[in-house]
Amino acid sequence: MFTGLIRELAQVKSFRGNHLSLKATHKPKLGDSIAINGTCLSVVSVESDGFSVELSPETLQHIATEKLNGLVHIEPAMMMGDRFEGHIVQGHIDTISKPICLPAICTISSPLPNPKG
């Protein structure tokens, strides 16, 4: 679980295939969950100047990968005993919807099929 509050801006060192490498002062442990731009990802390696995460094929299909450059928002997962602040969010995609806006009314339509297949 996450609070939705950004803890650090990290610099993208590289993004190739399904592997994202970041320069950051935060030092997670191998296997930790960390939200990158709001998406929950798993730490697969820790380096002296940062860490790397892996994106699943499903994640690659649904997030804005074009925004994984320059500076990205990072947020470590909450730990038991942490203060609840901000929001309580998962960082997981449950469904995809298309907003339908009418004059002075905006609703969400039913889930859409995956546009990438």
N, C-alpha and C. Protein backbone atom coordinates (compact mmCIF):
# COMPACT_ATOMS: atom_id res chain seq x y z
N MET A 1 0.84 -1.18 0.00
CA MET A 1 0.00 0.00 0.00
C MET A 1 0.89 1.25 0.00
N PHE A 2 0.36 2.31 -0.55
CA PHE A 2 1.09 3.56 -0.67
C PHE A 2 0.20 4.71 -0.18
N THR A 3 0.82 5.81 0.20
CA THR A 3 0.06 6.99 0.62
C THR A 3 -0.24 7.91 -0.56
N GLY A 4 0.44 7.73 -1.68
CA GLY A 4 0.26 8.61 -2.83
C GLY A 4 1.08 9.88 -2.74
N LEU A 5 1.92 9.99 -1.71
CA LEU A 5 2.76 11.18 -1.54
C LEU A 5 4.16 10.89 -2.06
N ILE A 6 4.65 11.74 -2.94
CA ILE A 6 5.97 11.56 -3.54
C ILE A 6 7.04 11.77 -2.47
N ARG A 7 7.98 10.85 -2.38
CA ARG A 7 9.05 10.94 -1.39
C ARG A 7 10.35 11.46 -1.99
N GLU A 8 10.51 11.27 -3.31
CA GLU A 8 11.75 11.70 -3.95
C GLU A 8 11.53 11.77 -5.45
N LEU A 9 12.30 12.65 -6.11
CA LEU A 9 12.38 12.65 -7.57
C LEU A 9 13.67 11.94 -7.92
N ALA A 10 13.56 10.88 -8.70
CA ALA A 10 14.74 10.10 -9.09
C ALA A 10 15.03 10.34 -10.56
N GLN A 11 16.29 10.23 -10.94
CA GLN A 11 16.73 10.42 -12.32
C GLN A 11 16.76 9.07 -13.03
N VAL A 12 16.13 8.99 -14.19
CA VAL A 12 16.18 7.76 -14.98
C VAL A 12 17.57 7.65 -15.60
N LYS A 13 18.26 6.55 -15.27
CA LYS A 13 19.57 6.28 -15.88
C LYS A 13 19.38 5.57 -17.21
N SER A 14 18.44 4.60 -17.24
CA SER A 14 18.16 3.89 -18.48
C SER A 14 16.80 3.20 -18.38
N PHE A 15 16.19 3.00 -19.54
CA PHE A 15 14.95 2.24 -19.63
C PHE A 15 15.03 1.44 -20.92
N ARG A 16 15.29 0.14 -20.77
CA ARG A 16 15.43 -0.76 -21.93
C ARG A 16 14.59 -2.00 -21.71
N GLY A 17 13.76 -2.32 -22.69
CA GLY A 17 12.91 -3.50 -22.57
C GLY A 17 11.96 -3.35 -21.39
N ASN A 18 12.14 -4.21 -20.39
CA ASN A 18 11.29 -4.15 -19.20
C ASN A 18 12.08 -3.77 -17.95
N HIS A 19 13.25 -3.18 -18.14
CA HIS A 19 14.16 -2.88 -17.03
C HIS A 19 14.37 -1.37 -16.94
N LEU A 20 14.03 -0.78 -15.77
CA LEU A 20 14.17 0.65 -15.53
C LEU A 20 15.20 0.85 -14.43
N SER A 21 16.25 1.61 -14.71
CA SER A 21 17.32 1.87 -13.75
C SER A 21 17.27 3.34 -13.34
N LEU A 22 17.29 3.58 -12.01
CA LEU A 22 17.14 4.93 -11.48
C LEU A 22 18.31 5.34 -10.60
N LYS A 23 18.68 6.62 -10.67
CA LYS A 23 19.63 7.21 -9.73
C LYS A 23 18.79 7.87 -8.64
N ALA A 24 18.98 7.41 -7.38
CA ALA A 24 18.16 7.91 -6.28
C ALA A 24 18.91 7.81 -4.96
N THR A 25 18.52 8.64 -4.00
CA THR A 25 19.12 8.53 -2.67
C THR A 25 18.43 7.45 -1.84
N HIS A 26 17.15 7.15 -2.16
CA HIS A 26 16.43 6.09 -1.45
C HIS A 26 17.11 4.75 -1.73
N LYS A 27 17.32 3.97 -0.69
CA LYS A 27 17.98 2.67 -0.81
C LYS A 27 17.01 1.55 -0.42
N PRO A 28 16.26 1.03 -1.39
CA PRO A 28 15.36 -0.07 -1.09
C PRO A 28 16.13 -1.39 -0.95
N LYS A 29 15.41 -2.41 -0.52
CA LYS A 29 15.98 -3.75 -0.48
C LYS A 29 15.51 -4.52 -1.71
N LEU A 30 16.27 -5.51 -2.09
CA LEU A 30 15.90 -6.38 -3.20
C LEU A 30 14.51 -6.96 -2.94
N GLY A 31 13.62 -6.85 -3.92
CA GLY A 31 12.26 -7.36 -3.79
C GLY A 31 11.25 -6.37 -3.25
N ASP A 32 11.70 -5.21 -2.75
CA ASP A 32 10.77 -4.21 -2.23
C ASP A 32 9.81 -3.73 -3.32
N SER A 33 8.62 -3.37 -2.91
CA SER A 33 7.66 -2.71 -3.80
C SER A 33 7.88 -1.22 -3.69
N ILE A 34 7.90 -0.55 -4.83
CA ILE A 34 8.08 0.90 -4.85
C ILE A 34 7.25 1.46 -5.99
N ALA A 35 6.55 2.56 -5.74
CA ALA A 35 5.74 3.18 -6.77
C ALA A 35 6.62 4.14 -7.58
N ILE A 36 6.65 3.92 -8.88
CA ILE A 36 7.35 4.81 -9.81
C ILE A 36 6.27 5.49 -10.65
N ASN A 37 6.17 6.81 -10.54
CA ASN A 37 5.10 7.56 -11.21
C ASN A 37 3.73 6.93 -10.92
N GLY A 38 3.56 6.43 -9.70
CA GLY A 38 2.27 5.90 -9.27
C GLY A 38 2.04 4.43 -9.56
N THR A 39 2.97 3.76 -10.23
CA THR A 39 2.81 2.35 -10.57
C THR A 39 3.68 1.49 -9.66
N CYS A 40 3.08 0.50 -9.04
CA CYS A 40 3.81 -0.39 -8.13
C CYS A 40 4.72 -1.32 -8.93
N LEU A 41 6.02 -1.26 -8.63
CA LEU A 41 7.01 -2.09 -9.31
C LEU A 41 7.90 -2.76 -8.27
N SER A 42 8.61 -3.82 -8.68
CA SER A 42 9.47 -4.57 -7.77
C SER A 42 10.94 -4.27 -8.03
N VAL A 43 11.69 -4.05 -6.95
CA VAL A 43 13.12 -3.79 -7.05
C VAL A 43 13.84 -5.10 -7.38
N VAL A 44 14.62 -5.08 -8.47
CA VAL A 44 15.35 -6.29 -8.90
C VAL A 44 16.85 -6.18 -8.69
N SER A 45 17.34 -4.96 -8.47
CA SER A 45 18.76 -4.80 -8.13
C SER A 45 18.95 -3.46 -7.43
N VAL A 46 19.98 -3.43 -6.57
CA VAL A 46 20.32 -2.21 -5.84
C VAL A 46 21.77 -1.88 -6.18
N GLU A 47 22.00 -0.65 -6.62
CA GLU A 47 23.34 -0.19 -6.98
C GLU A 47 23.79 0.88 -5.98
N SER A 48 25.04 1.29 -6.07
CA SER A 48 25.57 2.29 -5.13
C SER A 48 24.86 3.64 -5.27
N ASP A 49 24.40 3.96 -6.48
CA ASP A 49 23.76 5.27 -6.69
C ASP A 49 22.26 5.18 -6.95
N GLY A 50 21.66 4.02 -6.71
CA GLY A 50 20.22 3.90 -6.95
C GLY A 50 19.77 2.46 -6.98
N PHE A 51 18.80 2.18 -7.85
CA PHE A 51 18.24 0.83 -7.93
C PHE A 51 17.55 0.64 -9.28
N SER A 52 17.18 -0.62 -9.56
CA SER A 52 16.47 -0.95 -10.79
C SER A 52 15.20 -1.72 -10.47
N VAL A 53 14.20 -1.53 -11.32
CA VAL A 53 12.93 -2.23 -11.17
C VAL A 53 12.61 -2.93 -12.49
N GLU A 54 11.71 -3.90 -12.40
CA GLU A 54 11.29 -4.65 -13.57
C GLU A 54 9.81 -4.40 -13.83
N LEU A 55 9.45 -4.21 -15.08
CA LEU A 55 8.06 -4.00 -15.47
C LEU A 55 7.54 -5.26 -16.16
N SER A 56 6.40 -5.74 -15.73
CA SER A 56 5.80 -6.93 -16.33
C SER A 56 5.25 -6.57 -17.71
N PRO A 57 5.03 -7.58 -18.58
CA PRO A 57 4.42 -7.29 -19.88
C PRO A 57 3.07 -6.59 -19.75
N GLU A 58 2.27 -6.97 -18.77
CA GLU A 58 0.96 -6.33 -18.54
C GLU A 58 1.15 -4.85 -18.18
N THR A 59 2.11 -4.55 -17.31
CA THR A 59 2.38 -3.17 -16.93
C THR A 59 2.82 -2.36 -18.14
N LEU A 60 3.72 -2.93 -18.95
CA LEU A 60 4.20 -2.22 -20.14
C LEU A 60 3.06 -1.88 -21.11
N GLN A 61 2.02 -2.71 -21.15
CA GLN A 61 0.89 -2.47 -22.04
C GLN A 61 0.01 -1.31 -21.58
N HIS A 62 -0.01 -1.04 -20.27
CA HIS A 62 -1.02 -0.12 -19.75
C HIS A 62 -0.51 1.19 -19.17
N ILE A 63 0.77 1.35 -18.93
CA ILE A 63 1.23 2.62 -18.34
C ILE A 63 1.86 3.50 -19.42
N ALA A 64 2.06 4.76 -19.08
CA ALA A 64 2.65 5.73 -20.01
C ALA A 64 4.18 5.59 -19.97
N THR A 65 4.70 4.60 -20.68
CA THR A 65 6.15 4.35 -20.66
C THR A 65 6.95 5.53 -21.22
N GLU A 66 6.31 6.35 -22.06
CA GLU A 66 7.02 7.51 -22.61
C GLU A 66 7.38 8.52 -21.52
N LYS A 67 6.78 8.39 -20.34
CA LYS A 67 7.08 9.29 -19.22
C LYS A 67 8.17 8.74 -18.30
N LEU A 68 8.73 7.60 -18.67
CA LEU A 68 9.82 7.02 -17.85
C LEU A 68 11.16 7.52 -18.36
N ASN A 69 11.35 8.84 -18.28
CA ASN A 69 12.61 9.47 -18.65
C ASN A 69 12.77 10.72 -17.80
N GLY A 70 13.96 11.27 -17.78
CA GLY A 70 14.19 12.47 -16.95
C GLY A 70 13.97 12.16 -15.48
N LEU A 71 13.15 12.97 -14.83
CA LEU A 71 12.84 12.75 -13.42
C LEU A 71 11.51 12.01 -13.27
N VAL A 72 11.48 11.05 -12.35
CA VAL A 72 10.26 10.31 -12.06
C VAL A 72 9.98 10.38 -10.56
N HIS A 73 8.72 10.25 -10.20
CA HIS A 73 8.31 10.25 -8.79
C HIS A 73 8.54 8.86 -8.22
N ILE A 74 9.13 8.80 -7.02
CA ILE A 74 9.23 7.50 -6.35
C ILE A 74 8.61 7.60 -4.97
N GLU A 75 8.00 6.48 -4.58
CA GLU A 75 7.39 6.38 -3.27
C GLU A 75 7.53 4.95 -2.74
N PRO A 76 8.26 4.78 -1.65
CA PRO A 76 8.36 3.44 -1.06
C PRO A 76 7.01 3.00 -0.52
N ALA A 77 6.77 1.70 -0.49
CA ALA A 77 5.53 1.16 0.08
C ALA A 77 5.50 1.46 1.57
N MET A 78 4.27 1.58 2.10
CA MET A 78 4.10 1.81 3.54
C MET A 78 4.58 0.59 4.32
N MET A 79 5.06 0.84 5.51
CA MET A 79 5.44 -0.24 6.42
C MET A 79 4.45 -0.26 7.57
N MET A 80 4.29 -1.43 8.19
CA MET A 80 3.42 -1.52 9.36
C MET A 80 3.91 -0.50 10.39
N GLY A 81 2.99 0.23 10.96
CA GLY A 81 3.34 1.23 11.95
C GLY A 81 3.58 2.61 11.38
N ASP A 82 3.65 2.74 10.02
CA ASP A 82 3.81 4.06 9.42
C ASP A 82 2.56 4.90 9.65
N ARG A 83 2.76 6.18 9.69
CA ARG A 83 1.63 7.12 9.82
C ARG A 83 0.84 7.13 8.52
N PHE A 84 -0.49 7.04 8.64
CA PHE A 84 -1.36 7.16 7.47
C PHE A 84 -1.47 8.64 7.13
N GLU A 85 -1.03 9.01 5.95
CA GLU A 85 -1.12 10.39 5.51
C GLU A 85 -1.43 10.39 4.02
N GLY A 86 -1.99 11.44 3.54
CA GLY A 86 -2.33 11.49 2.12
C GLY A 86 -3.48 10.57 1.82
N HIS A 87 -3.26 9.59 0.99
CA HIS A 87 -4.29 8.65 0.55
C HIS A 87 -3.79 7.23 0.82
N ILE A 88 -4.66 6.27 0.65
CA ILE A 88 -4.24 4.88 0.71
C ILE A 88 -4.53 4.29 -0.67
N VAL A 89 -3.47 4.00 -1.41
CA VAL A 89 -3.60 3.52 -2.78
C VAL A 89 -2.73 2.29 -3.00
N GLN A 90 -3.07 1.49 -4.03
CA GLN A 90 -2.31 0.28 -4.32
C GLN A 90 -1.26 0.45 -5.40
N GLY A 91 -1.50 1.29 -6.38
CA GLY A 91 -0.57 1.41 -7.49
C GLY A 91 -0.75 0.32 -8.52
N HIS A 92 -1.91 -0.37 -8.48
CA HIS A 92 -2.21 -1.45 -9.43
C HIS A 92 -3.37 -1.02 -10.32
N ILE A 93 -3.36 -1.47 -11.57
CA ILE A 93 -4.44 -1.18 -12.50
C ILE A 93 -5.50 -2.26 -12.34
N ASP A 94 -6.74 -1.86 -12.06
CA ASP A 94 -7.84 -2.82 -11.93
C ASP A 94 -8.66 -2.91 -13.21
N THR A 95 -8.80 -1.81 -13.91
CA THR A 95 -9.56 -1.79 -15.15
C THR A 95 -9.19 -0.54 -15.94
N ILE A 96 -9.60 -0.49 -17.18
CA ILE A 96 -9.36 0.68 -18.02
C ILE A 96 -10.72 1.18 -18.49
N SER A 97 -10.95 2.47 -18.33
CA SER A 97 -12.22 3.07 -18.74
C SER A 97 -11.96 4.29 -19.61
N LYS A 98 -12.97 4.68 -20.33
CA LYS A 98 -12.89 5.87 -21.17
C LYS A 98 -13.83 6.92 -20.61
N PRO A 99 -13.31 8.11 -20.23
CA PRO A 99 -14.20 9.17 -19.74
C PRO A 99 -15.14 9.65 -20.85
N ILE A 100 -16.38 9.83 -20.50
CA ILE A 100 -17.36 10.38 -21.42
C ILE A 100 -17.88 11.66 -20.78
N CYS A 101 -17.60 12.79 -21.40
CA CYS A 101 -18.01 14.07 -20.83
C CYS A 101 -19.16 14.67 -21.62
N LEU A 102 -20.21 15.01 -20.90
CA LEU A 102 -21.38 15.68 -21.46
C LEU A 102 -21.42 17.08 -20.86
N PRO A 103 -22.18 17.99 -21.45
CA PRO A 103 -22.24 19.34 -20.88
C PRO A 103 -22.56 19.30 -19.39
N ALA A 104 -21.64 19.78 -18.58
CA ALA A 104 -21.77 19.90 -17.13
C ALA A 104 -21.85 18.55 -16.41
N ILE A 105 -21.70 17.42 -17.12
CA ILE A 105 -21.73 16.10 -16.48
C ILE A 105 -20.61 15.27 -17.08
N CYS A 106 -19.86 14.60 -16.24
CA CYS A 106 -18.80 13.72 -16.74
C CYS A 106 -18.92 12.39 -16.01
N THR A 107 -19.04 11.30 -16.76
CA THR A 107 -19.14 9.97 -16.15
C THR A 107 -18.08 9.06 -16.76
N ILE A 108 -17.96 7.89 -16.21
CA ILE A 108 -17.00 6.90 -16.70
C ILE A 108 -17.79 5.78 -17.38
N SER A 109 -17.36 5.42 -18.59
CA SER A 109 -18.03 4.34 -19.31
C SER A 109 -17.58 2.98 -18.78
N SER A 110 -18.14 1.93 -19.33
CA SER A 110 -17.73 0.58 -18.94
C SER A 110 -16.32 0.30 -19.42
N PRO A 111 -15.65 -0.72 -18.85
CA PRO A 111 -14.26 -1.02 -19.23
C PRO A 111 -14.11 -1.22 -20.73
N LEU A 112 -12.97 -0.78 -21.25
CA LEU A 112 -12.66 -0.91 -22.67
C LEU A 112 -11.79 -2.13 -22.91
N PRO A 113 -11.86 -2.71 -24.10
CA PRO A 113 -10.92 -3.78 -24.41
C PRO A 113 -9.51 -3.21 -24.50
N ASN A 114 -8.53 -4.05 -24.28
CA ASN A 114 -7.13 -3.63 -24.34
C ASN A 114 -6.82 -3.15 -25.76
N PRO A 115 -6.39 -1.86 -25.94
CA PRO A 115 -6.13 -1.34 -27.29
C PRO A 115 -4.90 -1.96 -27.93
N LYS A 116 -4.02 -2.59 -27.15
CA LYS A 116 -2.81 -3.18 -27.71
C LYS A 116 -2.97 -4.68 -27.98
N GLY A 117 -4.19 -5.19 -27.92
CA GLY A 117 -4.39 -6.59 -28.25
C GLY A 117 -4.92 -7.32 -27.13
